[in-house]
Amino acid sequence: MEVVGMATEKQAKANQQNAQKSTGPKTEEGKEIVKLNAVKHGILSDAVVIPKGEGQERKEAYLRLYNGLWDYFKPDGAMEDTLVEQIAVTLWRKRRVLWFELGCLRKQLDDCRKTTEEPDEDEDEYASHIPKTARERLAAAKKRLAHHQQEKQYLQEGYDILSDEEVKNWADSYFKVAERKGFEAEEPKQVRDWLKEQGLTEDQIRQELTQTEEAAIEQAQAEIKTLEPQANGELERAALLASLPEHHWQLDKIIRYEASLDRQLYKAINQLERLQRSRKGETLPPPIVLDET
């Protein structure tokens, strides 16, 4: 019995001495060869990396991750090398989950902003309405501002404002002029005719219409200035809600998948460390098996 014990003790010491001697390449040339070998040993890189199309990934990025882990763990033998790559694959998948989660949130945030900043095309830009939120009121004010700025530009460019065919296109402006001057009319033509009776020339009538558009522009700008802080607050609250997964099942699926990857990662690291410690001659207790059911 003593002979067996002595043999076991000698074998353990020999293993420790051999492990100390086998510390990897010492020369720069040898280290470069090892790095090249590590790249060649990335046998799963073609299977784990998406080469093209939607979600395309860079193989160089995966190999950088793998080589970094290889340099850190310094595996010896096929089993240790396989565990290192398993760790790399798991970390790569965890990275992909984060990108997937970010993509989902980015889409929801973009959809939220698009809905906020783009008013309904069917909305009547001239009719009075009661928007539900500050964001809707802001969108309507911006639309009115753009409309009145365009109308002012048309007036400055000399568009026809007096012919029977065109005067109806300026009905809103004519009615505003009549309101400002205290004249009641049911048709824009009546306002035009009344202005002519007052002795106004075409240029003067054009100036009256321009003043009406300028007043509308100032009103819209003031409304926008007031509404922007309120709308930004609503947008921040909407963005906060949108930052959560759209469906509970989606959140649950992500969490369960991440938990599964974490278990795989820790298991591979633990197995690799046990192999390396055993290779160096350490006496290890049997692994603890946890019931994951």
Protein backbone atom coordinates (compact mmCIF):
# COMPACT_ATOMS: atom_id res chain seq x y z
CA MET A 1 0.00 0.00 0.00
CA GLU A 2 2.86 2.36 0.78
CA VAL A 3 4.40 1.67 -2.62
CA VAL A 4 1.18 2.67 -4.35
CA GLY A 5 0.93 5.83 -2.27
CA MET A 6 4.53 6.77 -3.04
CA ALA A 7 3.98 6.12 -6.74
CA THR A 8 0.90 8.30 -6.76
CA GLU A 9 2.77 11.09 -4.96
CA LYS A 10 5.69 10.85 -7.40
CA GLN A 11 3.31 10.89 -10.36
CA ALA A 12 1.58 14.03 -9.05
CA LYS A 13 4.94 15.77 -8.60
CA ALA A 14 6.00 14.71 -12.09
CA ASN A 15 2.78 16.08 -13.54
CA GLN A 16 3.35 19.38 -11.78
CA GLN A 17 6.91 19.60 -13.07
CA ASN A 18 5.80 18.79 -16.62
CA ALA A 19 3.02 21.37 -16.44
CA GLN A 20 5.51 24.03 -15.35
CA LYS A 21 7.77 23.13 -18.23
CA SER A 22 4.89 23.26 -20.75
CA THR A 23 4.13 26.99 -20.50
CA GLY A 24 3.76 27.61 -24.20
CA PRO A 25 6.14 29.14 -26.74
CA LYS A 26 8.71 31.59 -25.40
CA THR A 27 10.11 33.16 -28.58
CA GLU A 28 8.27 35.82 -30.58
CA GLU A 29 8.35 33.56 -33.63
CA GLY A 30 6.79 30.75 -31.66
CA LYS A 31 4.07 33.04 -30.32
CA GLU A 32 3.19 34.18 -33.85
CA ILE A 33 2.92 30.55 -34.97
CA VAL A 34 0.59 29.85 -32.05
CA LYS A 35 -1.62 32.78 -33.05
CA LEU A 36 -1.86 31.48 -36.61
CA ASN A 37 -2.74 28.05 -35.28
CA ALA A 38 -5.48 29.59 -33.15
CA VAL A 39 -7.02 31.19 -36.21
CA LYS A 40 -6.93 27.89 -38.07
CA HIS A 41 -8.55 26.08 -35.16
CA GLY A 42 -11.65 28.28 -35.23
CA ILE A 43 -13.55 25.40 -36.78
CA LEU A 44 -17.00 26.79 -35.89
CA SER A 45 -16.44 30.28 -37.30
CA ASP A 46 -18.11 29.46 -40.63
CA ALA A 47 -21.11 27.97 -38.85
CA VAL A 48 -21.69 30.69 -36.24
CA VAL A 49 -21.05 33.85 -38.29
CA ILE A 50 -23.79 35.16 -40.61
CA PRO A 51 -21.80 35.82 -43.84
CA LYS A 52 -24.21 38.03 -45.80
CA GLY A 53 -27.71 39.41 -46.10
CA GLU A 54 -29.75 40.88 -43.26
CA GLY A 55 -27.81 40.81 -39.99
CA GLN A 56 -24.49 40.19 -41.75
CA GLU A 57 -21.62 39.66 -39.29
CA ARG A 58 -17.86 39.98 -39.70
CA LYS A 59 -15.88 36.79 -39.41
CA GLU A 60 -12.83 38.86 -38.39
CA ALA A 61 -14.71 40.09 -35.31
CA TYR A 62 -15.53 36.55 -34.25
CA LEU A 63 -11.94 35.40 -34.79
CA ARG A 64 -10.73 38.36 -32.75
CA LEU A 65 -12.96 37.22 -29.90
CA TYR A 66 -11.85 33.61 -30.26
CA ASN A 67 -8.15 34.46 -30.41
CA GLY A 68 -8.46 36.71 -27.37
CA LEU A 69 -10.01 33.86 -25.40
CA TRP A 70 -7.41 31.44 -26.76
CA ASP A 71 -4.59 33.74 -25.60
CA TYR A 72 -6.23 34.08 -22.17
CA PHE A 73 -6.98 30.40 -21.49
CA LYS A 74 -4.02 28.96 -23.45
CA PRO A 75 -5.73 25.61 -24.17
CA ASP A 76 -3.66 22.45 -24.54
CA GLY A 77 -5.20 19.69 -26.59
CA ALA A 78 -8.34 19.25 -28.63
CA MET A 79 -10.73 19.10 -25.67
CA GLU A 80 -9.54 22.37 -24.13
CA ASP A 81 -9.49 24.03 -27.54
CA THR A 82 -13.07 22.87 -28.14
CA LEU A 83 -14.18 24.34 -24.82
CA VAL A 84 -12.52 27.66 -25.65
CA GLU A 85 -14.40 27.79 -28.92
CA GLN A 86 -17.61 26.85 -27.14
CA ILE A 87 -17.07 29.84 -24.86
CA ALA A 88 -16.44 32.05 -27.90
CA VAL A 89 -19.59 30.81 -29.65
CA THR A 90 -21.70 31.40 -26.55
CA LEU A 91 -20.37 34.93 -26.09
CA TRP A 92 -20.99 35.61 -29.79
CA ARG A 93 -24.58 34.45 -29.42
CA LYS A 94 -25.03 36.64 -26.34
CA ARG A 95 -23.75 39.56 -28.42
CA ARG A 96 -26.29 38.70 -31.11
CA VAL A 97 -29.11 38.65 -28.55
CA LEU A 98 -28.13 42.15 -27.43
CA TRP A 99 -28.14 43.36 -31.05
CA PHE A 100 -31.54 41.74 -31.59
CA GLU A 101 -32.90 43.43 -28.48
CA LEU A 102 -31.40 46.75 -29.57
CA GLY A 103 -32.90 46.34 -33.04
CA CYS A 104 -36.37 45.67 -31.62
CA LEU A 105 -36.16 48.70 -29.37
CA ARG A 106 -34.76 50.88 -32.16
CA LYS A 107 -37.65 49.92 -34.43
CA GLN A 108 -40.21 50.69 -31.74
CA LEU A 109 -38.57 54.05 -30.97
CA ASP A 110 -38.40 54.95 -34.67
CA ASP A 111 -42.04 53.97 -35.13
CA CYS A 112 -42.93 56.07 -32.11
CA ARG A 113 -41.07 59.12 -33.46
CA LYS A 114 -42.49 58.63 -36.96
CA THR A 115 -46.03 58.50 -35.60
CA THR A 116 -45.30 61.61 -33.55
CA GLU A 117 -43.66 63.73 -36.22
CA GLU A 118 -45.75 62.75 -39.26
CA PRO A 119 -49.40 63.85 -39.02
CA ASP A 120 -52.16 61.96 -40.74
CA GLU A 121 -52.15 62.83 -44.44
CA ASP A 122 -55.95 62.72 -44.47
CA GLU A 123 -56.16 65.44 -41.82
CA ASP A 124 -57.78 68.66 -43.08
CA GLU A 125 -55.03 71.25 -42.68
CA TYR A 126 -57.48 74.15 -42.77
CA ALA A 127 -60.33 72.85 -40.65
CA SER A 128 -60.40 73.38 -36.90
CA HIS A 129 -60.11 70.20 -34.89
CA ILE A 130 -59.33 69.13 -31.37
CA PRO A 131 -56.04 67.18 -31.32
CA LYS A 132 -55.68 64.81 -28.42
CA THR A 133 -52.05 65.49 -27.51
CA ALA A 134 -49.46 68.26 -27.63
CA ARG A 135 -47.62 66.25 -30.27
CA GLU A 136 -50.70 66.26 -32.50
CA ARG A 137 -51.20 69.99 -31.95
CA LEU A 138 -47.53 70.60 -32.73
CA ALA A 139 -47.77 68.58 -35.95
CA ALA A 140 -50.87 70.54 -36.99
CA ALA A 141 -49.16 73.87 -36.21
CA LYS A 142 -46.11 72.91 -38.29
CA LYS A 143 -48.39 71.98 -41.15
CA ARG A 144 -50.19 75.33 -40.95
CA LEU A 145 -46.86 77.15 -40.81
CA ALA A 146 -45.64 75.43 -43.98
CA HIS A 147 -48.93 76.21 -45.72
CA HIS A 148 -48.90 79.93 -44.90
CA GLN A 149 -45.21 80.26 -45.79
CA GLN A 150 -46.00 78.74 -49.19
CA GLU A 151 -48.96 81.11 -49.67
CA LYS A 152 -46.77 84.11 -48.85
CA GLN A 153 -44.21 82.94 -51.39
CA TYR A 154 -46.91 82.66 -54.07
CA LEU A 155 -48.00 86.22 -53.33
CA GLN A 156 -44.43 87.49 -53.59
CA GLU A 157 -43.99 85.68 -56.90
CA GLY A 158 -46.98 87.52 -58.39
CA TYR A 159 -49.54 84.73 -58.62
CA ASP A 160 -52.99 85.80 -59.90
CA ILE A 161 -55.22 86.92 -57.01
CA LEU A 162 -58.00 88.84 -58.76
CA SER A 163 -59.51 86.67 -61.50
CA ASP A 164 -62.81 84.94 -60.75
CA GLU A 165 -61.12 81.58 -61.31
CA GLU A 166 -58.26 82.19 -58.86
CA VAL A 167 -59.88 84.33 -56.18
CA LYS A 168 -61.54 81.25 -54.63
CA ASN A 169 -58.06 79.75 -54.06
CA TRP A 170 -57.34 82.73 -51.81
CA ALA A 171 -60.67 82.54 -49.97
CA ASP A 172 -59.14 82.08 -46.51
CA SER A 173 -56.86 85.09 -46.93
CA TYR A 174 -59.63 87.30 -48.36
CA PHE A 175 -61.94 86.45 -45.47
CA LYS A 176 -59.16 87.27 -42.96
CA VAL A 177 -58.68 90.67 -44.65
CA ALA A 178 -62.43 91.32 -44.47
CA GLU A 179 -62.49 90.33 -40.78
CA ARG A 180 -59.58 92.64 -40.03
CA LYS A 181 -61.32 95.54 -41.76
CA GLY A 182 -64.78 94.83 -40.33
CA PHE A 183 -66.41 93.86 -43.63
CA GLU A 184 -68.86 90.96 -43.73
CA ALA A 185 -68.93 88.77 -46.82
CA GLU A 186 -70.10 85.32 -47.86
CA GLU A 187 -67.92 84.95 -50.94
CA PRO A 188 -64.25 85.87 -51.52
CA LYS A 189 -65.34 87.71 -54.67
CA GLN A 190 -67.35 90.09 -52.51
CA VAL A 191 -64.23 90.94 -50.52
CA ARG A 192 -62.22 91.50 -53.70
CA ASP A 193 -64.91 93.74 -55.16
CA TRP A 194 -65.25 95.68 -51.91
CA LEU A 195 -61.48 96.28 -51.75
CA LYS A 196 -61.55 97.58 -55.31
CA GLU A 197 -64.44 99.89 -54.39
CA GLN A 198 -62.27 101.22 -51.56
CA GLY A 199 -59.74 102.26 -54.20
CA LEU A 200 -57.10 99.60 -53.55
CA THR A 201 -54.88 98.64 -56.47
CA GLU A 202 -53.84 95.05 -57.22
CA ASP A 203 -50.49 95.60 -55.49
CA GLN A 204 -52.24 96.99 -52.42
CA ILE A 205 -54.67 94.06 -52.33
CA ARG A 206 -51.69 91.73 -52.65
CA GLN A 207 -50.07 93.51 -49.72
CA GLU A 208 -53.23 93.06 -47.63
CA LEU A 209 -53.23 89.34 -48.37
CA THR A 210 -49.50 89.15 -47.60
CA GLN A 211 -50.06 90.78 -44.20
CA THR A 212 -52.71 88.17 -43.48
CA GLU A 213 -50.28 85.35 -44.30
CA GLU A 214 -47.54 86.94 -42.19
CA ALA A 215 -49.89 87.18 -39.21
CA ALA A 216 -50.80 83.51 -39.65
CA ILE A 217 -47.09 82.61 -39.84
CA GLU A 218 -46.34 84.48 -36.60
CA GLN A 219 -49.27 82.80 -34.87
CA ALA A 220 -48.14 79.33 -35.97
CA GLN A 221 -44.54 80.03 -34.91
CA ALA A 222 -45.68 81.17 -31.47
CA GLU A 223 -47.84 78.07 -31.10
CA ILE A 224 -44.93 75.83 -32.12
CA LYS A 225 -42.64 77.50 -29.58
CA THR A 226 -45.19 76.84 -26.83
CA LEU A 227 -45.98 73.28 -27.84
CA GLU A 228 -42.45 71.96 -28.48
CA PRO A 229 -41.50 71.50 -24.78
CA GLN A 230 -44.83 69.78 -24.10
CA ALA A 231 -44.47 67.54 -27.15
CA ASN A 232 -40.88 66.64 -26.22
CA GLY A 233 -42.09 65.59 -22.79
CA GLU A 234 -44.75 63.39 -24.35
CA LEU A 235 -42.18 61.94 -26.74
CA GLU A 236 -39.82 61.07 -23.88
CA ARG A 237 -42.63 59.31 -22.04
CA ALA A 238 -43.65 57.47 -25.21
CA ALA A 239 -40.02 56.51 -25.86
CA LEU A 240 -39.74 55.15 -22.33
CA LEU A 241 -42.76 52.94 -22.92
CA ALA A 242 -41.47 51.95 -26.35
CA SER A 243 -38.14 50.92 -24.82
CA LEU A 244 -39.91 47.94 -23.29
CA PRO A 245 -40.46 44.89 -25.49
CA GLU A 246 -43.68 45.20 -27.42
CA HIS A 247 -45.04 41.89 -26.18
CA HIS A 248 -44.55 40.12 -22.87
CA TRP A 249 -43.82 36.87 -24.68
CA GLN A 250 -40.94 38.59 -26.49
CA LEU A 251 -39.38 39.76 -23.22
CA ASP A 252 -39.83 36.32 -21.66
CA LYS A 253 -38.27 34.63 -24.69
CA ILE A 254 -35.22 36.91 -24.60
CA ILE A 255 -34.73 36.42 -20.86
CA ARG A 256 -34.99 32.63 -21.09
CA TYR A 257 -32.58 32.47 -24.04
CA GLU A 258 -30.04 34.70 -22.26
CA ALA A 259 -30.31 32.54 -19.14
CA SER A 260 -29.68 29.43 -21.25
CA LEU A 261 -26.60 31.02 -22.81
CA ASP A 262 -25.29 32.03 -19.38
CA ARG A 263 -25.60 28.44 -18.15
CA GLN A 264 -23.73 27.18 -21.22
CA LEU A 265 -21.03 29.81 -20.73
CA TYR A 266 -20.41 29.10 -17.05
CA LYS A 267 -20.50 25.34 -17.64
CA ALA A 268 -17.89 25.55 -20.41
CA ILE A 269 -15.63 27.82 -18.34
CA ASN A 270 -15.91 25.51 -15.34
CA GLN A 271 -15.14 22.42 -17.41
CA LEU A 272 -12.15 24.12 -19.02
CA GLU A 273 -10.74 25.25 -15.68
CA ARG A 274 -11.14 21.75 -14.22
CA LEU A 275 -9.36 20.20 -17.21
CA GLN A 276 -6.47 22.65 -16.94
CA ARG A 277 -6.11 22.23 -13.19
CA SER A 278 -6.21 18.45 -13.58
CA ARG A 279 -3.59 18.64 -16.33
CA LYS A 280 -1.34 20.57 -13.94
CA GLY A 281 -1.59 17.78 -11.38
CA GLU A 282 -4.15 19.18 -8.98
CA THR A 283 -6.43 16.75 -7.21
CA LEU A 284 -10.00 17.92 -7.75
CA PRO A 285 -13.22 16.87 -6.04
CA PRO A 286 -15.89 15.40 -8.31
CA PRO A 287 -17.99 18.07 -10.04
CA ILE A 288 -21.22 19.15 -8.42
CA VAL A 289 -24.17 18.32 -10.66
CA LEU A 290 -27.03 20.79 -10.28
CA ASP A 291 -30.58 19.85 -11.16
CA GLU A 292 -31.64 22.53 -13.66
CA THR A 293 -35.14 21.16 -14.13
